[in-house]
Protein backbone atom coordinates (compact mmCIF):
# COMPACT_ATOMS: atom_id res chain seq x y z
CA UNK A 1 15.46 -14.77 16.84
CA UNK A 2 12.37 -16.03 15.94
CA UNK A 3 11.21 -14.78 19.56
CA UNK A 4 12.43 -10.88 18.94
CA UNK A 5 10.95 -10.85 15.25
CA UNK A 6 7.42 -12.07 16.96
CA UNK A 7 8.04 -9.83 19.59
CA UNK A 8 8.34 -6.28 17.31
CA UNK A 9 5.38 -7.81 15.61
CA UNK A 10 3.33 -7.53 18.11
CA UNK A 11 4.43 -4.67 20.19
CA UNK A 12 4.03 -2.41 16.51
CA UNK A 13 0.73 -4.28 15.92
CA UNK A 14 -0.23 -2.45 19.26
CA UNK A 15 0.62 0.54 19.21
CA UNK A 16 -1.13 0.58 15.16
CA UNK A 17 -3.39 -1.37 15.19
CA UNK A 18 -6.13 1.93 16.34
CA UNK A 19 -5.04 3.60 13.26
CA UNK A 20 -5.74 0.87 11.03
CA UNK A 21 -2.29 0.57 10.63
CA UNK A 22 -1.31 -3.28 10.79
CA UNK A 23 2.16 -5.24 10.12
CA UNK A 24 2.51 -6.96 6.62
CA UNK A 25 5.12 -9.56 6.43
CA UNK A 26 8.73 -9.41 7.15
CA UNK A 27 11.60 -9.32 4.60
CA UNK A 28 15.35 -8.91 3.48
CA UNK A 29 16.56 -5.19 2.30
CA UNK A 30 18.67 -5.92 -0.96
CA UNK A 31 21.20 -3.64 -2.78
CA UNK A 32 19.09 -3.68 -5.53
CA UNK A 33 16.89 -2.23 -3.48
CA UNK A 34 18.85 0.75 -2.14
CA UNK A 35 18.55 4.11 -4.57
CA UNK A 36 21.38 5.66 -5.88
CA UNK A 37 23.20 8.03 -3.22
CA UNK A 38 21.37 7.05 -0.14
CA UNK A 39 23.42 5.66 2.78
CA UNK A 40 20.86 4.97 5.38
CA UNK A 41 20.88 1.09 5.43
CA UNK A 42 22.45 -1.58 3.87
CA UNK A 43 21.85 -4.74 2.36
CA UNK A 44 21.09 -7.64 4.59
CA UNK A 45 18.67 -6.23 7.01
CA UNK A 46 15.54 -7.13 8.15
CA UNK A 47 12.73 -4.87 7.44
CA UNK A 48 8.61 -5.38 8.54
CA UNK A 49 6.28 -4.34 5.97
CA UNK A 50 3.38 -1.81 7.02
CA UNK A 51 -0.09 -1.38 5.48
CA UNK A 52 -3.33 -1.47 5.70
CA UNK A 53 -6.59 -3.05 4.77
CA UNK A 54 -10.81 -2.20 4.54
CA UNK A 55 -11.93 1.30 5.57
CA UNK A 56 -10.42 1.23 8.94
CA UNK A 57 -6.87 3.36 7.95
CA UNK A 58 -9.47 5.95 6.45
CA UNK A 59 -11.60 6.28 9.24
CA UNK A 60 -8.65 7.02 11.81
CA UNK A 61 -7.63 9.58 9.31
CA UNK A 62 -10.13 11.64 9.02
CA UNK A 63 -10.34 12.39 12.71
CA UNK A 64 -6.99 13.68 12.78
CA UNK A 65 -5.22 17.25 12.82
CA UNK A 66 -3.62 16.51 9.21
CA UNK A 67 -6.38 15.78 7.38
CA UNK A 68 -8.12 18.93 8.87
CA UNK A 69 -5.47 21.36 8.80
CA UNK A 70 -5.74 22.31 5.19
CA UNK A 71 -2.00 21.50 4.25
CA UNK A 72 -1.57 18.92 1.66
CA UNK A 73 -0.64 15.80 1.80
CA UNK A 74 -2.70 15.16 4.99
CA UNK A 75 -2.25 11.03 4.46
CA UNK A 76 1.32 11.15 3.93
CA UNK A 77 1.97 13.41 6.66
CA UNK A 78 -0.02 11.75 8.94
CA UNK A 79 1.66 7.97 8.43
CA UNK A 80 4.91 9.72 8.99
CA UNK A 81 3.54 10.66 12.61
CA UNK A 82 1.96 7.48 13.76
CA UNK A 83 5.17 5.26 12.03
CA UNK A 84 7.12 7.79 13.66
CA UNK A 85 5.02 7.88 17.08
CA UNK A 86 4.97 4.06 16.93
CA UNK A 87 8.67 3.39 16.28
CA UNK A 88 9.80 5.95 19.59
CA UNK A 89 8.42 3.78 22.10
CA UNK A 90 9.63 0.48 20.46
CA UNK A 91 13.14 1.32 19.11
CA UNK A 92 15.20 4.36 17.93
CA UNK A 93 17.12 3.05 15.57
CA UNK A 94 14.64 1.15 13.19
CA UNK A 95 14.44 3.41 9.94
CA UNK A 96 11.66 4.12 8.30
CA UNK A 97 10.60 4.22 4.76
CA UNK A 98 7.88 5.35 2.67
CA UNK A 99 6.11 5.37 -0.84
CA UNK A 100 6.40 8.59 -1.44
CA UNK A 101 8.62 11.50 -0.59
CA UNK A 102 11.53 12.48 -2.15
CA UNK A 103 13.58 8.84 -1.99
CA UNK A 104 11.87 6.00 -4.47
CA UNK A 105 11.66 2.48 -2.84
CA UNK A 106 10.70 -0.46 -4.78
CA UNK A 107 7.03 -1.16 -2.68
CA UNK A 108 5.88 -4.28 -4.87
CA UNK A 109 9.36 -5.88 -4.80
CA UNK A 110 9.00 -5.41 -0.77
CA UNK A 111 5.25 -7.17 -1.05
CA UNK A 112 6.31 -10.10 -3.22
CA UNK A 113 9.61 -10.97 -0.90
CA UNK A 114 7.40 -10.44 2.27
CA UNK A 115 3.95 -11.40 1.46
CA UNK A 116 4.52 -12.97 -1.97
CA UNK A 117 1.79 -10.91 -3.49
CA UNK A 118 1.77 -10.21 -7.34
CA UNK A 119 0.16 -7.60 -9.62
CA UNK A 120 -3.52 -7.96 -11.10
CA UNK A 121 -4.09 -6.96 -14.85
CA UNK A 122 -4.58 -3.41 -13.56
CA UNK A 123 -0.59 -3.19 -12.33
CA UNK A 124 -2.46 -2.69 -8.93
CA UNK A 125 -1.38 -5.85 -5.77
CA UNK A 126 -4.18 -7.63 -5.88
CA UNK A 127 -4.29 -9.55 -1.84
CA UNK A 128 -6.31 -13.16 -1.82
CA UNK A 129 -8.35 -12.02 0.90
CA UNK A 130 -7.90 -7.94 0.77
CA UNK A 131 -8.41 -7.98 -3.13
CA UNK A 132 -7.62 -4.74 -4.44
CA UNK A 133 -8.52 -2.89 -1.30
CA UNK A 134 -5.12 -2.71 0.82
CA UNK A 135 -2.35 -0.59 0.20
CA UNK A 136 1.58 -0.17 1.83
CA UNK A 137 2.35 2.54 3.80
CA UNK A 138 5.56 2.14 5.11
CA UNK A 139 8.85 -0.34 5.96
CA UNK A 140 10.39 -0.09 9.05
CA UNK A 141 13.80 -1.75 8.43
CA UNK A 142 16.24 -2.94 11.54
CA UNK A 143 19.30 -2.53 10.74
CA UNK A 144 21.48 -5.51 12.67
CA UNK A 145 18.25 -7.45 12.57
CA UNK A 146 18.77 -10.65 9.82
CA UNK A 147 15.93 -11.99 7.85
CA UNK A 148 13.74 -14.84 9.48
CA UNK A 149 12.44 -17.89 7.10
CA UNK A 150 11.57 -17.02 3.16
CA UNK A 151 7.64 -16.12 3.22
CA UNK A 152 4.99 -18.41 1.89
CA UNK A 153 3.29 -17.68 -1.38
CA UNK A 154 -0.26 -17.55 -1.53
CA UNK A 155 -2.51 -18.38 -4.99
CA UNK A 156 -2.62 -15.63 -7.47
CA UNK A 157 -6.70 -15.12 -7.52
CA UNK A 158 -6.37 -13.56 -10.98
CA UNK A 159 -4.96 -16.47 -12.03
CA UNK A 160 -8.18 -18.17 -11.42
CA UNK A 161 -10.26 -15.91 -13.09
CA UNK A 162 -10.95 -16.08 -16.70
CA UNK A 163 -13.76 -13.45 -17.11
CA UNK A 164 -11.08 -10.73 -15.80
CA UNK A 165 -14.24 -8.50 -15.86
CA UNK A 166 -11.56 -5.74 -14.56
CA UNK A 167 -10.21 -5.10 -17.76
CA UNK A 168 -13.89 -4.63 -19.14
CA UNK A 169 -15.19 -2.46 -16.96
CA UNK A 170 -12.92 1.32 -17.83
CA UNK A 171 -14.83 3.23 -19.94
CA UNK A 172 -11.43 4.45 -21.77
CA UNK A 173 -9.93 1.45 -22.06
CA UNK A 174 -6.94 2.58 -20.18
CA UNK A 175 -5.76 -0.70 -19.26
CA UNK A 176 -4.18 -2.13 -22.39
CA UNK A 177 -2.27 -5.08 -20.82
CA UNK A 178 0.76 -3.42 -21.16
CA UNK A 179 0.18 -0.51 -19.84
CA UNK A 180 -1.73 2.08 -18.23
CA UNK A 181 -3.11 5.08 -20.80
CA UNK A 182 -2.63 7.43 -17.64
CA UNK A 183 -3.70 10.94 -20.39
CA UNK A 184 -6.66 8.78 -21.23
CA UNK A 185 -8.07 8.10 -17.72
CA UNK A 186 -7.31 11.68 -16.71
CA UNK A 187 -9.58 13.30 -19.30
CA UNK A 188 -12.54 10.99 -18.44
CA UNK A 189 -11.98 12.02 -14.58
CA UNK A 190 -12.14 15.62 -16.21
CA UNK A 191 -15.51 15.30 -17.96
CA UNK A 192 -17.52 13.56 -15.52
CA UNK A 193 -19.08 11.50 -17.84
CA UNK A 194 -20.41 7.96 -16.80
CA UNK A 195 -19.24 5.59 -15.03
CA UNK A 196 -18.20 8.75 -12.97
CA UNK A 197 -14.50 7.36 -11.41
CA UNK A 198 -13.72 10.81 -9.13
CA UNK A 199 -16.87 9.71 -7.24
CA UNK A 200 -17.32 5.98 -6.88
CA UNK A 201 -13.37 4.88 -7.77
CA UNK A 202 -11.76 3.90 -9.97
CA UNK A 203 -14.97 1.48 -12.32
CA UNK A 204 -12.15 -1.13 -13.51
CA UNK A 205 -11.20 -1.61 -9.74
CA UNK A 206 -14.47 -1.91 -8.60
CA UNK A 207 -14.91 -4.54 -11.31
CA UNK A 208 -12.73 -6.75 -9.37
CA UNK A 209 -14.51 -9.70 -7.57
CA UNK A 210 -12.19 -10.13 -5.14
CA UNK A 211 -12.23 -9.05 -1.52
CA UNK A 212 -15.08 -6.79 -2.27
CA UNK A 213 -16.28 -6.84 0.99
CA UNK A 214 -13.23 -5.12 2.04
CA UNK A 215 -13.70 -1.95 -0.54
CA UNK A 216 -12.80 1.55 0.45
CA UNK A 217 -16.26 4.03 1.19
CA UNK A 218 -16.50 6.65 -1.81
CA UNK A 219 -14.90 9.83 0.30
CA UNK A 220 -11.85 7.64 0.32
CA UNK A 221 -12.17 6.60 -3.11
CA UNK A 222 -12.85 9.90 -4.13
CA UNK A 223 -9.65 11.10 -2.05
CA UNK A 224 -7.63 9.09 -3.82
CA UNK A 225 -9.16 9.65 -7.27
CA UNK A 226 -8.77 14.05 -6.79
CA UNK A 227 -4.83 12.95 -5.90
CA UNK A 228 -4.16 10.93 -9.11
CA UNK A 229 -5.91 13.40 -11.23
CA UNK A 230 -3.54 16.39 -9.48
């Protein structure tokens, strides 16, 4: 069974690597993951997370037709195409789930089971190597394939960070420790006041010391901030 899982990872890594995407870990779909009314898959199936870290994915995206065609949601459309092309050459029975679109899938729970990741004080999943400069782009479910052994749980970087500079960097104190003040953040973005989070990315995210060398470039940060601002 491990051989089959390993072959899938190897083939997907080869198909996705030039696009800045990568397999991130196996997990099992649970009954509580499946949205009401969805009949596309069943509990117990093995699934493989796909994500990115650093600026490599952005460099591939900006060279794509989706990014240049002027239509909405270029990253989402590009992601669907790249994952679809990879699966067409691998397994036509596999089902791709995405963290966007009509059905809502619990990607943070997926990351916990696949990689042992937990949230930072900002609510973003933090990786021990990549810090906050990574994301999950898809989960690929393989019906009939059983899950493999539980994942190793890494040390949580925030447990050893006494200063928590992320919590003190937001100019409007949008991160309260018990939630996120969305409107306060968006109001600051509209003013253009310093720190200019629209141009330079979220000041709180930039303040995290973990994985700083994987920080996204300013163009990518601006793209995400524009999407968030709406």
